Every structure is written in C-alpha cells, then in structure tokens.
Amino acid sequence: MKRYLNRILVAISVLINVILGGDNNQTFSARNYDWHKRGLPNATKAIDFFLGKEHCLECWIYWKVRKKW
C-alpha cells in the first residue's frame, strides 16, 4: 500500500509540474532544485523540510539520470 501511495504522489507531482509549464516526467521537487541551482526563486527549503533533507536534490538527480534513457 505504501508503494502504491508513493507512486500516486509522484504522478500528482509530475502532473502539477507539467501544468505549471515544467518538463515532461519531471517532479515539482526536481524542478525546484533546478531553479535553486540557477538562482531562481524556489521552494526547495520548504519541500526538503517536509519530505526530508536533500529530497529535491535526489529527485533532480533521478530525473537527470532517467532523462538520458
């Protein structure tokens, strides 16, 4: 059940990101970390506070690796 819920939350995150103009298959967390890297306004600290230390970084790395497939 936990794995199913995690997949649903990831899908919602990707949907929100795409609706807001983000890249395909990129989570909102990964997008925020990308903004953080580029010095743009972001919610990385807030997301990491609620979802765990360096959550956004891990999402961004995962997205970059999968993007190359």
Protein backbone atom coordinates (compact mmCIF):
# COMPACT_ATOMS: atom_id res chain seq x y z
CA MET A 1 0.00 0.00 0.00
CA LYS A 2 2.87 2.40 0.82
CA ARG A 3 4.45 1.81 -2.59
CA TYR A 4 1.12 2.45 -4.33
CA LEU A 5 0.59 5.69 -2.42
CA ASN A 6 4.13 6.82 -3.26
CA ARG A 7 3.50 6.24 -6.98
CA ILE A 8 0.25 8.21 -6.82
CA LEU A 9 2.00 11.13 -5.11
CA VAL A 10 4.81 11.12 -7.69
CA ALA A 11 2.26 11.13 -10.51
CA ILE A 12 0.44 14.08 -8.92
CA SER A 13 3.76 15.92 -8.54
CA VAL A 14 4.59 15.37 -12.22
CA LEU A 15 1.09 16.49 -13.23
CA ILE A 16 1.35 19.71 -11.19
CA ASN A 17 4.78 20.41 -12.64
CA VAL A 18 3.61 19.91 -16.24
CA ILE A 19 0.52 22.08 -15.68
CA LEU A 20 2.83 24.83 -14.41
CA GLY A 21 5.00 24.54 -17.54
CA GLY A 22 7.71 22.14 -16.37
CA ASP A 23 9.42 19.41 -18.34
CA ASN A 24 7.73 16.10 -19.06
CA ASN A 25 8.28 13.41 -16.38
CA GLN A 26 9.94 15.91 -14.02
CA THR A 27 8.59 16.17 -10.48
CA PHE A 28 7.85 19.50 -8.87
CA SER A 29 10.70 18.83 -6.40
CA ALA A 30 13.22 18.26 -9.20
CA ARG A 31 12.07 21.43 -10.93
CA ASN A 32 12.51 23.44 -7.74
CA TYR A 33 16.03 22.13 -7.29
CA ASP A 34 16.80 23.12 -10.88
CA TRP A 35 15.55 26.62 -10.09
CA HIS A 36 17.69 26.60 -6.93
CA LYS A 37 20.78 25.72 -9.00
CA ARG A 38 20.07 28.57 -11.40
CA GLY A 39 19.48 31.09 -8.61
CA LEU A 40 15.77 31.48 -9.34
CA PRO A 41 13.07 31.75 -6.64
CA ASN A 42 12.20 28.26 -5.40
CA ALA A 43 10.57 26.28 -2.61
CA THR A 44 13.44 23.83 -2.11
CA LYS A 45 13.87 24.55 1.61
CA ALA A 46 10.17 24.13 2.34
CA ILE A 47 9.89 20.91 0.33
CA ASP A 48 13.03 19.47 1.95
CA PHE A 49 11.70 20.41 5.41
CA PHE A 50 8.54 18.38 4.88
CA LEU A 51 9.86 15.50 2.75
CA GLY A 52 13.38 15.05 4.12
CA LYS A 53 16.84 16.52 3.84
CA GLU A 54 18.01 16.84 0.21
CA HIS A 55 14.76 15.40 -1.18
CA CYS A 56 14.78 17.90 -4.05
CA LEU A 57 18.41 17.12 -4.91
CA GLU A 58 17.67 13.38 -5.00
CA CYS A 59 14.64 13.96 -7.24
CA TRP A 60 16.68 16.15 -9.57
CA ILE A 61 19.48 13.56 -9.84
CA TYR A 62 16.95 10.79 -10.51
CA TRP A 63 15.28 12.91 -13.20
CA LYS A 64 18.61 13.74 -14.89
CA VAL A 65 19.65 10.06 -14.97
CA ARG A 66 16.29 8.84 -16.29
CA LYS A 67 16.10 11.66 -18.85
CA LYS A 68 19.06 10.14 -20.71
CA TRP A 69 17.31 6.77 -21.24
